[in-house]
Amino acid sequence: MIPRKIRTYGGYFESFMETLPENVQEKIKYGLLILKTQERISVKFVKAIRDGIYELRIELNGNIYRVFFIFDEGNIVVLFNGFQKKSQKTPQNEIDIAIRIKEEYYADKQSQNQ
């Protein structure tokens, strides 16, 4: 089954990465490597949010970062939006953005398959 393929959708992930310092980008890339290569992933790194959306959890120097993603066709990980977490709970507006991107993704995918 593994390694998983990792894709991005809509440029959201790339836009988020561009805003981050290099050491944070490296830590996120490490998290992606775990996502790509490990069969079972600790909740320290990945947590299910809702509606098939998961978050990649990154912490560095007391700062917390999240990247939303979905699994597609069993093993493709499609990366969506990311953000720096400032509060205890994942902000609802960030979850809403991820859900909207997921809906766009599946609508695009369906239109390509027709």
PDB file of N, CA and C in Angstrom:
ATOM      1  N   MET A   1       0.820  -1.202   0.000  1.00  0.00           N
ATOM      2  CA  MET A   1       0.000   0.000   0.000  1.00  0.00           C
ATOM      3  C   MET A   1       0.860   1.262   0.000  1.00  0.00           C
ATOM      4  N   ILE A   2       1.821   1.344   0.924  1.00  0.00           N
ATOM      5  CA  ILE A   2       2.626   2.568   0.954  1.00  0.00           C
ATOM      6  C   ILE A   2       3.798   2.406  -0.002  1.00  0.00           C
ATOM      7  N   PRO A   3       4.475   3.379  -0.500  1.00  0.00           N
ATOM      8  CA  PRO A   3       4.304   4.791  -0.141  1.00  0.00           C
ATOM      9  C   PRO A   3       3.074   5.424  -0.795  1.00  0.00           C
ATOM     10  N   ARG A   4       2.510   6.404  -0.089  1.00  0.00           N
ATOM     11  CA  ARG A   4       1.368   7.146  -0.617  1.00  0.00           C
ATOM     12  C   ARG A   4       1.878   8.225  -1.576  1.00  0.00           C
ATOM     13  N   LYS A   5       1.022   8.582  -2.513  1.00  0.00           N
ATOM     14  CA  LYS A   5       1.328   9.726  -3.368  1.00  0.00           C
ATOM     15  C   LYS A   5       0.784  10.968  -2.689  1.00  0.00           C
ATOM     16  N   ILE A   6       1.520  12.056  -2.789  1.00  0.00           N
ATOM     17  CA  ILE A   6       1.047  13.317  -2.224  1.00  0.00           C
ATOM     18  C   ILE A   6       0.882  14.322  -3.351  1.00  0.00           C
ATOM     19  N   ARG A   7      -0.308  14.882  -3.434  1.00  0.00           N
ATOM     20  CA  ARG A   7      -0.602  15.905  -4.433  1.00  0.00           C
ATOM     21  C   ARG A   7      -1.127  17.134  -3.716  1.00  0.00           C
ATOM     22  N   THR A   8      -1.039  18.248  -4.389  1.00  0.00           N
ATOM     23  CA  THR A   8      -1.668  19.451  -3.856  1.00  0.00           C
ATOM     24  C   THR A   8      -2.805  19.828  -4.798  1.00  0.00           C
ATOM     25  N   TYR A   9      -3.693  20.667  -4.309  1.00  0.00           N
ATOM     26  CA  TYR A   9      -4.831  21.085  -5.114  1.00  0.00           C
ATOM     27  C   TYR A   9      -5.054  22.586  -4.934  1.00  0.00           C
ATOM     28  N   GLY A  10      -5.188  23.269  -6.044  1.00  0.00           N
ATOM     29  CA  GLY A  10      -5.615  24.664  -6.021  1.00  0.00           C
ATOM     30  C   GLY A  10      -4.563  25.684  -5.611  1.00  0.00           C
ATOM     31  N   GLY A  11      -3.337  25.225  -5.345  1.00  0.00           N
ATOM     32  CA  GLY A  11      -2.273  26.163  -4.983  1.00  0.00           C
ATOM     33  C   GLY A  11      -2.339  26.664  -3.540  1.00  0.00           C
ATOM     34  N   TYR A  12      -3.308  26.186  -2.761  1.00  0.00           N
ATOM     35  CA  TYR A  12      -3.469  26.666  -1.382  1.00  0.00           C
ATOM     36  C   TYR A  12      -2.265  26.289  -0.517  1.00  0.00           C
ATOM     37  N   PHE A  13      -1.839  25.044  -0.641  1.00  0.00           N
ATOM     38  CA  PHE A  13      -0.710  24.577   0.169  1.00  0.00           C
ATOM     39  C   PHE A  13       0.566  25.341  -0.182  1.00  0.00           C
ATOM     40  N   GLU A  14       0.812  25.507  -1.481  1.00  0.00           N
ATOM     41  CA  GLU A  14       2.015  26.235  -1.910  1.00  0.00           C
ATOM     42  C   GLU A  14       2.002  27.681  -1.397  1.00  0.00           C
ATOM     43  N   SER A  15       0.844  28.318  -1.462  1.00  0.00           N
ATOM     44  CA  SER A  15       0.731  29.703  -0.971  1.00  0.00           C
ATOM     45  C   SER A  15       1.040  29.776   0.522  1.00  0.00           C
ATOM     46  N   PHE A  16       0.540  28.793   1.269  1.00  0.00           N
ATOM     47  CA  PHE A  16       0.807  28.745   2.708  1.00  0.00           C
ATOM     48  C   PHE A  16       2.298  28.537   2.965  1.00  0.00           C
ATOM     49  N   MET A  17       2.912  27.596   2.267  1.00  0.00           N
ATOM     50  CA  MET A  17       4.335  27.292   2.480  1.00  0.00           C
ATOM     51  C   MET A  17       5.218  28.508   2.210  1.00  0.00           C
ATOM     52  N   GLU A  18       4.855  29.303   1.209  1.00  0.00           N
ATOM     53  CA  GLU A  18       5.654  30.487   0.860  1.00  0.00           C
ATOM     54  C   GLU A  18       5.722  31.497   2.002  1.00  0.00           C
ATOM     55  N   THR A  19       4.731  31.471   2.888  1.00  0.00           N
ATOM     56  CA  THR A  19       4.695  32.453   3.970  1.00  0.00           C
ATOM     57  C   THR A  19       5.546  32.037   5.170  1.00  0.00           C
ATOM     58  N   LEU A  20       6.057  30.813   5.162  1.00  0.00           N
ATOM     59  CA  LEU A  20       6.706  30.252   6.348  1.00  0.00           C
ATOM     60  C   LEU A  20       8.220  30.354   6.299  1.00  0.00           C
ATOM     61  N   PRO A  21       8.854  30.492   7.452  1.00  0.00           N
ATOM     62  CA  PRO A  21      10.321  30.446   7.501  1.00  0.00           C
ATOM     63  C   PRO A  21      10.821  29.059   7.058  1.00  0.00           C
ATOM     64  N   GLU A  22      12.056  29.013   6.607  1.00  0.00           N
ATOM     65  CA  GLU A  22      12.609  27.776   6.051  1.00  0.00           C
ATOM     66  C   GLU A  22      12.591  26.614   7.043  1.00  0.00           C
ATOM     67  N   ASN A  23      12.882  26.888   8.327  1.00  0.00           N
ATOM     68  CA  ASN A  23      12.902  25.789   9.302  1.00  0.00           C
ATOM     69  C   ASN A  23      11.506  25.179   9.493  1.00  0.00           C
ATOM     70  N   VAL A  24      10.455  25.996   9.380  1.00  0.00           N
ATOM     71  CA  VAL A  24       9.084  25.485   9.482  1.00  0.00           C
ATOM     72  C   VAL A  24       8.751  24.674   8.233  1.00  0.00           C
ATOM     73  N   GLN A  25       9.155  25.172   7.064  1.00  0.00           N
ATOM     74  CA  GLN A  25       8.942  24.425   5.821  1.00  0.00           C
ATOM     75  C   GLN A  25       9.595  23.047   5.897  1.00  0.00           C
ATOM     76  N   GLU A  26      10.809  22.988   6.434  1.00  0.00           N
ATOM     77  CA  GLU A  26      11.519  21.711   6.562  1.00  0.00           C
ATOM     78  C   GLU A  26      10.765  20.754   7.482  1.00  0.00           C
ATOM     79  N   LYS A  27      10.233  21.271   8.577  1.00  0.00           N
ATOM     80  CA  LYS A  27       9.491  20.423   9.520  1.00  0.00           C
ATOM     81  C   LYS A  27       8.208  19.910   8.868  1.00  0.00           C
ATOM     82  N   ILE A  28       7.537  20.746   8.084  1.00  0.00           N
ATOM     83  CA  ILE A  28       6.331  20.304   7.375  1.00  0.00           C
ATOM     84  C   ILE A  28       6.701  19.237   6.351  1.00  0.00           C
ATOM     85  N   LYS A  29       7.819  19.427   5.646  1.00  0.00           N
ATOM     86  CA  LYS A  29       8.265  18.407   4.681  1.00  0.00           C
ATOM     87  C   LYS A  29       8.554  17.085   5.384  1.00  0.00           C
ATOM     88  N   TYR A  30       9.097  17.144   6.592  1.00  0.00           N
ATOM     89  CA  TYR A  30       9.325  15.936   7.375  1.00  0.00           C
ATOM     90  C   TYR A  30       7.992  15.258   7.711  1.00  0.00           C
ATOM     91  N   GLY A  31       7.008  16.046   8.115  1.00  0.00           N
ATOM     92  CA  GLY A  31       5.671  15.511   8.388  1.00  0.00           C
ATOM     93  C   GLY A  31       5.068  14.854   7.158  1.00  0.00           C
ATOM     94  N   LEU A  32       5.281  15.459   5.991  1.00  0.00           N
ATOM     95  CA  LEU A  32       4.783  14.887   4.739  1.00  0.00           C
ATOM     96  C   LEU A  32       5.482  13.568   4.415  1.00  0.00           C
ATOM     97  N   LEU A  33       6.768  13.498   4.728  1.00  0.00           N
ATOM     98  CA  LEU A  33       7.513  12.256   4.506  1.00  0.00           C
ATOM     99  C   LEU A  33       6.925  11.125   5.357  1.00  0.00           C
ATOM    100  N   ILE A  34       6.595  11.436   6.607  1.00  0.00           N
ATOM    101  CA  ILE A  34       5.955  10.444   7.479  1.00  0.00           C
ATOM    102  C   ILE A  34       4.617  10.017   6.872  1.00  0.00           C
ATOM    103  N   LEU A  35       3.842  10.995   6.427  1.00  0.00           N
ATOM    104  CA  LEU A  35       2.536  10.724   5.821  1.00  0.00           C
ATOM    105  C   LEU A  35       2.685   9.830   4.588  1.00  0.00           C
ATOM    106  N   LYS A  36       3.734  10.065   3.846  1.00  0.00           N
ATOM    107  CA  LYS A  36       3.958   9.348   2.597  1.00  0.00           C
ATOM    108  C   LYS A  36       4.426   7.906   2.831  1.00  0.00           C
ATOM    109  N   THR A  37       5.214   7.693   3.868  1.00  0.00           N
ATOM    110  CA  THR A  37       5.923   6.418   3.983  1.00  0.00           C
ATOM    111  C   THR A  37       5.473   5.516   5.128  1.00  0.00           C
ATOM    112  N   GLN A  38       4.772   6.037   6.117  1.00  0.00           N
ATOM    113  CA  GLN A  38       4.409   5.212   7.283  1.00  0.00           C
ATOM    114  C   GLN A  38       2.982   4.679   7.153  1.00  0.00           C
ATOM    115  N   GLU A  39       2.831   3.389   7.399  1.00  0.00           N
ATOM    116  CA  GLU A  39       1.505   2.762   7.324  1.00  0.00           C
ATOM    117  C   GLU A  39       0.577   3.338   8.398  1.00  0.00           C
ATOM    118  N   ARG A  40       1.043   3.344   9.627  1.00  0.00           N
ATOM    119  CA  ARG A  40       0.247   3.867  10.742  1.00  0.00           C
ATOM    120  C   ARG A  40       0.937   5.119  11.278  1.00  0.00           C
ATOM    121  N   ILE A  41       0.145   6.159  11.452  1.00  0.00           N
ATOM    122  CA  ILE A  41       0.727   7.452  11.833  1.00  0.00           C
ATOM    123  C   ILE A  41       0.152   7.885  13.174  1.00  0.00           C
ATOM    124  N   SER A  42       1.015   8.303  14.068  1.00  0.00           N
ATOM    125  CA  SER A  42       0.612   8.735  15.405  1.00  0.00           C
ATOM    126  C   SER A  42      -0.316   9.938  15.337  1.00  0.00           C
ATOM    127  N   VAL A  43      -1.240  10.007  16.291  1.00  0.00           N
ATOM    128  CA  VAL A  43      -2.145  11.155  16.390  1.00  0.00           C
ATOM    129  C   VAL A  43      -1.363  12.432  16.698  1.00  0.00           C
ATOM    130  N   LYS A  44      -0.122  12.272  17.128  1.00  0.00           N
ATOM    131  CA  LYS A  44       0.743  13.437  17.310  1.00  0.00           C
ATOM    132  C   LYS A  44       0.940  14.174  15.976  1.00  0.00           C
ATOM    133  N   PHE A  45       0.933  13.428  14.871  1.00  0.00           N
ATOM    134  CA  PHE A  45       1.167  14.021  13.552  1.00  0.00           C
ATOM    135  C   PHE A  45      -0.098  14.218  12.725  1.00  0.00           C
ATOM    136  N   VAL A  46      -1.075  13.328  12.893  1.00  0.00           N
ATOM    137  CA  VAL A  46      -2.274  13.389  12.051  1.00  0.00           C
ATOM    138  C   VAL A  46      -3.512  13.190  12.911  1.00  0.00           C
ATOM    139  N   LYS A  47      -4.513  14.030  12.669  1.00  0.00           N
ATOM    140  CA  LYS A  47      -5.769  13.902  13.406  1.00  0.00           C
ATOM    141  C   LYS A  47      -6.930  14.064  12.432  1.00  0.00           C
ATOM    142  N   ALA A  48      -7.934  13.195  12.574  1.00  0.00           N
ATOM    143  CA  ALA A  48      -9.156  13.338  11.775  1.00  0.00           C
ATOM    144  C   ALA A  48      -9.933  14.541  12.308  1.00  0.00           C
ATOM    145  N   ILE A  49     -10.400  15.389  11.409  1.00  0.00           N
ATOM    146  CA  ILE A  49     -11.178  16.560  11.815  1.00  0.00           C
ATOM    147  C   ILE A  49     -12.670  16.249  11.645  1.00  0.00           C
ATOM    148  N   ARG A  50     -13.138  16.207  10.399  1.00  0.00           N
ATOM    149  CA  ARG A  50     -14.510  15.772  10.105  1.00  0.00           C
ATOM    150  C   ARG A  50     -14.711  15.735   8.594  1.00  0.00           C
ATOM    151  N   ASP A  51     -15.747  15.038   8.168  1.00  0.00           N
ATOM    152  CA  ASP A  51     -16.102  14.942   6.741  1.00  0.00           C
ATOM    153  C   ASP A  51     -14.937  14.452   5.888  1.00  0.00           C
ATOM    154  N   GLY A  52     -14.135  13.530   6.420  1.00  0.00           N
ATOM    155  CA  GLY A  52     -13.017  12.989   5.639  1.00  0.00           C
ATOM    156  C   GLY A  52     -11.810  13.900   5.567  1.00  0.00           C
ATOM    157  N   ILE A  53     -11.824  14.971   6.329  1.00  0.00           N
ATOM    158  CA  ILE A  53     -10.691  15.907   6.338  1.00  0.00           C
ATOM    159  C   ILE A  53      -9.814  15.609   7.553  1.00  0.00           C
ATOM    160  N   TYR A  54      -8.516  15.598   7.314  1.00  0.00           N
ATOM    161  CA  TYR A  54      -7.518  15.361   8.359  1.00  0.00           C
ATOM    162  C   TYR A  54      -6.618  16.572   8.450  1.00  0.00           C
ATOM    163  N   GLU A  55      -5.901  16.677   9.579  1.00  0.00           N
ATOM    164  CA  GLU A  55      -4.891  17.729   9.678  1.00  0.00           C
ATOM    165  C   GLU A  55      -3.545  17.101   9.970  1.00  0.00           C
ATOM    166  N   LEU A  56      -2.531  17.591   9.260  1.00  0.00           N
ATOM    167  CA  LEU A  56      -1.135  17.279   9.551  1.00  0.00           C
ATOM    168  C   LEU A  56      -0.732  18.277  10.620  1.00  0.00           C
ATOM    169  N   ARG A  57      -0.208  17.755  11.737  1.00  0.00           N
ATOM    170  CA  ARG A  57       0.075  18.591  12.903  1.00  0.00           C
ATOM    171  C   ARG A  57       1.578  18.781  13.041  1.00  0.00           C
ATOM    172  N   ILE A  58       2.010  20.034  13.007  1.00  0.00           N
ATOM    173  CA  ILE A  58       3.428  20.373  13.090  1.00  0.00           C
ATOM    174  C   ILE A  58       3.621  21.350  14.243  1.00  0.00           C
ATOM    175  N   GLU A  59       4.632  21.089  15.053  1.00  0.00           N
ATOM    176  CA  GLU A  59       4.963  22.019  16.128  1.00  0.00           C
ATOM    177  C   GLU A  59       6.457  22.295  16.069  1.00  0.00           C
ATOM    178  N   LEU A  60       6.816  23.563  16.181  1.00  0.00           N
ATOM    179  CA  LEU A  60       8.221  23.944  16.137  1.00  0.00           C
ATOM    180  C   LEU A  60       8.419  25.203  16.974  1.00  0.00           C
ATOM    181  N   ASN A  61       9.326  25.125  17.917  1.00  0.00           N
ATOM    182  CA  ASN A  61       9.655  26.279  18.775  1.00  0.00           C
ATOM    183  C   ASN A  61       8.419  26.917  19.409  1.00  0.00           C
ATOM    184  N   GLY A  62       7.488  26.079  19.850  1.00  0.00           N
ATOM    185  CA  GLY A  62       6.294  26.605  20.506  1.00  0.00           C
ATOM    186  C   GLY A  62       5.219  27.103  19.563  1.00  0.00           C
ATOM    187  N   ASN A  63       5.488  27.117  18.265  1.00  0.00           N
ATOM    188  CA  ASN A  63       4.476  27.505  17.279  1.00  0.00           C
ATOM    189  C   ASN A  63       3.820  26.253  16.723  1.00  0.00           C
ATOM    190  N   ILE A  64       2.529  26.352  16.458  1.00  0.00           N
ATOM    191  CA  ILE A  64       1.766  25.202  15.980  1.00  0.00           C
ATOM    192  C   ILE A  64       1.235  25.518  14.586  1.00  0.00           C
ATOM    193  N   TYR A  65       1.428  24.555  13.675  1.00  0.00           N
ATOM    194  CA  TYR A  65       0.973  24.708  12.292  1.00  0.00           C
ATOM    195  C   TYR A  65       0.107  23.516  11.932  1.00  0.00           C
ATOM    196  N   ARG A  66      -0.878  23.761  11.078  1.00  0.00           N
ATOM    197  CA  ARG A  66      -1.757  22.692  10.617  1.00  0.00           C
ATOM    198  C   ARG A  66      -1.887  22.772   9.102  1.00  0.00           C
ATOM    199  N   VAL A  67      -1.922  21.597   8.461  1.00  0.00           N
ATOM    200  CA  VAL A  67      -2.193  21.513   7.025  1.00  0.00           C
ATOM    201  C   VAL A  67      -3.327  20.505   6.856  1.00  0.00           C
ATOM    202  N   PHE A  68      -4.405  20.938   6.230  1.00  0.00           N
ATOM    203  CA  PHE A  68      -5.537  20.045   6.003  1.00  0.00           C
ATOM    204  C   PHE A  68      -5.299  19.197   4.762  1.00  0.00           C
ATOM    205  N   PHE A  69      -5.793  17.961   4.808  1.00  0.00           N
ATOM    206  CA  PHE A  69      -5.682  17.074   3.650  1.00  0.00           C
ATOM    207  C   PHE A  69      -6.779  16.028   3.675  1.00  0.00           C
ATOM    208  N   ILE A  70      -6.922  15.331   2.543  1.00  0.00           N
ATOM    209  CA  ILE A  70      -7.819  14.177   2.456  1.00  0.00           C
ATOM    210  C   ILE A  70      -7.038  13.021   1.857  1.00  0.00           C
ATOM    211  N   PHE A  71      -7.535  11.822   2.085  1.00  0.00           N
ATOM    212  CA  PHE A  71      -7.048  10.655   1.357  1.00  0.00           C
ATOM    213  C   PHE A  71      -7.993  10.465   0.182  1.00  0.00           C
ATOM    214  N   ASP A  72      -7.436  10.182  -0.983  1.00  0.00           N
ATOM    215  CA  ASP A  72      -8.265   9.964  -2.161  1.00  0.00           C
ATOM    216  C   ASP A  72      -7.818   8.669  -2.824  1.00  0.00           C
ATOM    217  N   GLU A  73      -8.780   7.866  -3.257  1.00  0.00           N
ATOM    218  CA  GLU A  73      -8.498   6.589  -3.911  1.00  0.00           C
ATOM    219  C   GLU A  73      -7.566   5.739  -3.066  1.00  0.00           C
ATOM    220  N   GLY A  74      -7.778   5.767  -1.767  1.00  0.00           N
ATOM    221  CA  GLY A  74      -7.028   4.887  -0.888  1.00  0.00           C
ATOM    222  C   GLY A  74      -5.683   5.400  -0.449  1.00  0.00           C
ATOM    223  N   ASN A  75      -4.923   6.040  -1.340  1.00  0.00           N
ATOM    224  CA  ASN A  75      -3.587   6.393  -0.877  1.00  0.00           C
ATOM    225  C   ASN A  75      -3.091   7.751  -1.306  1.00  0.00           C
ATOM    226  N   ILE A  76      -3.778   8.439  -2.177  1.00  0.00           N
ATOM    227  CA  ILE A  76      -3.289   9.757  -2.581  1.00  0.00           C
ATOM    228  C   ILE A  76      -3.673  10.758  -1.498  1.00  0.00           C
ATOM    229  N   VAL A  77      -2.705  11.492  -1.038  1.00  0.00           N
ATOM    230  CA  VAL A  77      -2.969  12.517  -0.048  1.00  0.00           C
ATOM    231  C   VAL A  77      -3.021  13.846  -0.790  1.00  0.00           C
ATOM    232  N   VAL A  78      -4.154  14.513  -0.721  1.00  0.00           N
ATOM    233  CA  VAL A  78      -4.319  15.782  -1.420  1.00  0.00           C
ATOM    234  C   VAL A  78      -4.266  16.891  -0.376  1.00  0.00           C
ATOM    235  N   LEU A  79      -3.276  17.752  -0.491  1.00  0.00           N
ATOM    236  CA  LEU A  79      -3.077  18.812   0.498  1.00  0.00           C
ATOM    237  C   LEU A  79      -3.887  20.049   0.147  1.00  0.00           C
ATOM    238  N   PHE A  80      -4.510  20.601   1.166  1.00  0.00           N
ATOM    239  CA  PHE A  80      -5.330  21.791   0.998  1.00  0.00           C
ATOM    240  C   PHE A  80      -4.671  22.970   1.707  1.00  0.00           C
ATOM    241  N   ASN A  81      -5.469  23.709   2.446  1.00  0.00           N
ATOM    242  CA  ASN A  81      -4.995  24.916   3.113  1.00  0.00           C
ATOM    243  C   ASN A  81      -4.230  24.591   4.390  1.00  0.00           C
ATOM    244  N   GLY A  82      -3.419  25.537   4.810  1.00  0.00           N
ATOM    245  CA  GLY A  82      -2.688  25.418   6.057  1.00  0.00           C
ATOM    246  C   GLY A  82      -2.794  26.723   6.812  1.00  0.00           C
ATOM    247  N   PHE A  83      -2.447  26.692   8.097  1.00  0.00           N
ATOM    248  CA  PHE A  83      -2.490  27.914   8.890  1.00  0.00           C
ATOM    249  C   PHE A  83      -1.639  27.730  10.135  1.00  0.00           C
ATOM    250  N   GLN A  84      -1.298  28.853  10.751  1.00  0.00           N
ATOM    251  CA  GLN A  84      -0.614  28.805  12.036  1.00  0.00           C
ATOM    252  C   GLN A  84      -1.685  28.875  13.108  1.00  0.00           C
ATOM    253  N   LYS A  85      -1.641  27.931  14.018  1.00  0.00           N
ATOM    254  CA  LYS A  85      -2.672  27.816  15.042  1.00  0.00           C
ATOM    255  C   LYS A  85      -2.331  28.715  16.221  1.00  0.00           C
ATOM    256  N   LYS A  86      -3.284  29.544  16.629  1.00  0.00           N
ATOM    257  CA  LYS A  86      -3.055  30.498  17.715  1.00  0.00           C
ATOM    258  C   LYS A  86      -3.886  30.167  18.955  1.00  0.00           C
ATOM    259  N   SER A  87      -4.863  29.271  18.809  1.00  0.00           N
ATOM    260  CA  SER A  87      -5.749  28.968  19.933  1.00  0.00           C
ATOM    261  C   SER A  87      -5.790  27.467  20.176  1.00  0.00           C
ATOM    262  N   GLN A  88      -6.428  27.080  21.259  1.00  0.00           N
ATOM    263  CA  GLN A  88      -6.498  25.670  21.644  1.00  0.00           C
ATOM    264  C   GLN A  88      -7.240  24.839  20.601  1.00  0.00           C
ATOM    265  N   LYS A  89      -8.381  25.357  20.150  1.00  0.00           N
ATOM    266  CA  LYS A  89      -9.197  24.618  19.184  1.00  0.00           C
ATOM    267  C   LYS A  89      -8.845  25.033  17.764  1.00  0.00           C
ATOM    268  N   THR A  90      -9.001  24.094  16.825  1.00  0.00           N
ATOM    269  CA  THR A  90      -8.838  24.438  15.411  1.00  0.00           C
ATOM    270  C   THR A  90      -9.983  25.380  15.037  1.00  0.00           C
ATOM    271  N   PRO A  91      -9.672  26.565  14.494  1.00  0.00           N
ATOM    272  CA  PRO A  91     -10.729  27.543  14.177  1.00  0.00           C
ATOM    273  C   PRO A  91     -11.737  26.993  13.164  1.00  0.00           C
ATOM    274  N   GLN A  92     -13.013  27.226  13.451  1.00  0.00           N
ATOM    275  CA  GLN A  92     -14.088  26.727  12.577  1.00  0.00           C
ATOM    276  C   GLN A  92     -13.952  27.270  11.161  1.00  0.00           C
ATOM    277  N   ASN A  93     -13.543  28.537  11.024  1.00  0.00           N
ATOM    278  CA  ASN A  93     -13.432  29.096   9.671  1.00  0.00           C
ATOM    279  C   ASN A  93     -12.378  28.361   8.846  1.00  0.00           C
ATOM    280  N   GLU A  94     -11.299  27.889   9.484  1.00  0.00           N
ATOM    281  CA  GLU A  94     -10.270  27.120   8.756  1.00  0.00           C
ATOM    282  C   GLU A  94     -10.831  25.762   8.319  1.00  0.00           C
ATOM    283  N   ILE A  95     -11.631  25.142   9.178  1.00  0.00           N
ATOM    284  CA  ILE A  95     -12.270  23.869   8.815  1.00  0.00           C
ATOM    285  C   ILE A  95     -13.243  24.093   7.658  1.00  0.00           C
ATOM    286  N   ASP A  96     -14.006  25.187   7.735  1.00  0.00           N
ATOM    287  CA  ASP A  96     -14.960  25.502   6.661  1.00  0.00           C
ATOM    288  C   ASP A  96     -14.246  25.704   5.329  1.00  0.00           C
ATOM    289  N   ILE A  97     -13.089  26.360   5.349  1.00  0.00           N
ATOM    290  CA  ILE A  97     -12.299  26.556   4.132  1.00  0.00           C
ATOM    291  C   ILE A  97     -11.882  25.187   3.572  1.00  0.00           C
ATOM    292  N   ALA A  98     -11.398  24.296   4.448  1.00  0.00           N
ATOM    293  CA  ALA A  98     -10.957  22.969   4.000  1.00  0.00           C
ATOM    294  C   ALA A  98     -12.122  22.188   3.392  1.00  0.00           C
ATOM    295  N   ILE A  99     -13.302  22.289   4.001  1.00  0.00           N
ATOM    296  CA  ILE A  99     -14.479  21.588   3.461  1.00  0.00           C
ATOM    297  C   ILE A  99     -14.838  22.140   2.089  1.00  0.00           C
ATOM    298  N   ARG A 100     -14.791  23.465   1.955  1.00  0.00           N
ATOM    299  CA  ARG A 100     -15.096  24.083   0.656  1.00  0.00           C
ATOM    300  C   ARG A 100     -14.091  23.628  -0.406  1.00  0.00           C
ATOM    301  N   ILE A 101     -12.802  23.579  -0.052  1.00  0.00           N
ATOM    302  CA  ILE A 101     -11.775  23.142  -1.004  1.00  0.00           C
ATOM    303  C   ILE A 101     -12.003  21.672  -1.376  1.00  0.00           C
ATOM    304  N   LYS A 102     -12.366  20.850  -0.390  1.00  0.00           N
ATOM    305  CA  LYS A 102     -12.632  19.435  -0.671  1.00  0.00           C
ATOM    306  C   LYS A 102     -13.782  19.302  -1.673  1.00  0.00           C
ATOM    307  N   GLU A 103     -14.845  20.099  -1.474  1.00  0.00           N
ATOM    308  CA  GLU A 103     -15.987  20.052  -2.402  1.00  0.00           C
ATOM    309  C   GLU A 103     -15.567  20.483  -3.805  1.00  0.00           C
ATOM    310  N   GLU A 104     -14.751  21.540  -3.897  1.00  0.00           N
ATOM    311  CA  GLU A 104     -14.223  21.985  -5.203  1.00  0.00           C
ATOM    312  C   GLU A 104     -13.407  20.869  -5.853  1.00  0.00           C
ATOM    313  N   TYR A 105     -12.559  20.238  -5.047  1.00  0.00           N
ATOM    314  CA  TYR A 105     -11.688  19.171  -5.553  1.00  0.00           C
ATOM    315  C   TYR A 105     -12.511  18.051  -6.184  1.00  0.00           C
ATOM    316  N   TYR A 106     -13.522  17.568  -5.456  1.00  0.00           N
ATOM    317  CA  TYR A 106     -14.326  16.463  -5.977  1.00  0.00           C
ATOM    318  C   TYR A 106     -15.175  16.889  -7.173  1.00  0.00           C
ATOM    319  N   ALA A 107     -15.647  18.136  -7.186  1.00  0.00           N
ATOM    320  CA  ALA A 107     -16.403  18.647  -8.338  1.00  0.00           C
ATOM    321  C   ALA A 107     -15.498  18.695  -9.569  1.00  0.00           C
ATOM    322  N   ASP A 108     -14.263  19.197  -9.396  1.00  0.00           N
ATOM    323  CA  ASP A 108     -13.296  19.232 -10.507  1.00  0.00           C
ATOM    324  C   ASP A 108     -12.976  17.828 -10.997  1.00  0.00           C
ATOM    325  N   LYS A 109     -12.762  16.927 -10.065  1.00  0.00           N
ATOM    326  CA  LYS A 109     -12.406  15.557 -10.401  1.00  0.00           C
ATOM    327  C   LYS A 109     -13.535  14.894 -11.183  1.00  0.00           C
ATOM    328  N   GLN A 110     -14.765  15.123 -10.740  1.00  0.00           N
ATOM    329  CA  GLN A 110     -15.924  14.529 -11.409  1.00  0.00           C
ATOM    330  C   GLN A 110     -16.060  15.080 -12.821  1.00  0.00           C
ATOM    331  N   SER A 111     -15.858  16.385 -12.989  1.00  0.00           N
ATOM    332  CA  SER A 111     -15.995  16.980 -14.318  1.00  0.00           C
ATOM    333  C   SER A 111     -14.899  16.496 -15.269  1.00  0.00           C
ATOM    334  N   GLN A 112     -13.735  16.164 -14.727  1.00  0.00           N
ATOM    335  CA  GLN A 112     -12.645  15.633 -15.557  1.00  0.00           C
ATOM    336  C   GLN A 112     -12.901  14.191 -15.990  1.00  0.00           C
ATOM    337  N   ASN A 113     -13.686  13.476 -15.188  1.00  0.00           N
ATOM    338  CA  ASN A 113     -13.945  12.070 -15.483  1.00  0.00           C
ATOM    339  C   ASN A 113     -15.154  11.847 -16.387  1.00  0.00           C
ATOM    340  N   GLN A 114     -15.770  12.934 -16.834  1.00  0.00           N
ATOM    341  CA  GLN A 114     -16.962  12.766 -17.684  1.00  0.00           C
ATOM    342  C   GLN A 114     -16.612  12.803 -19.144  1.00  0.00           C
TER     343      GLN A 114
END
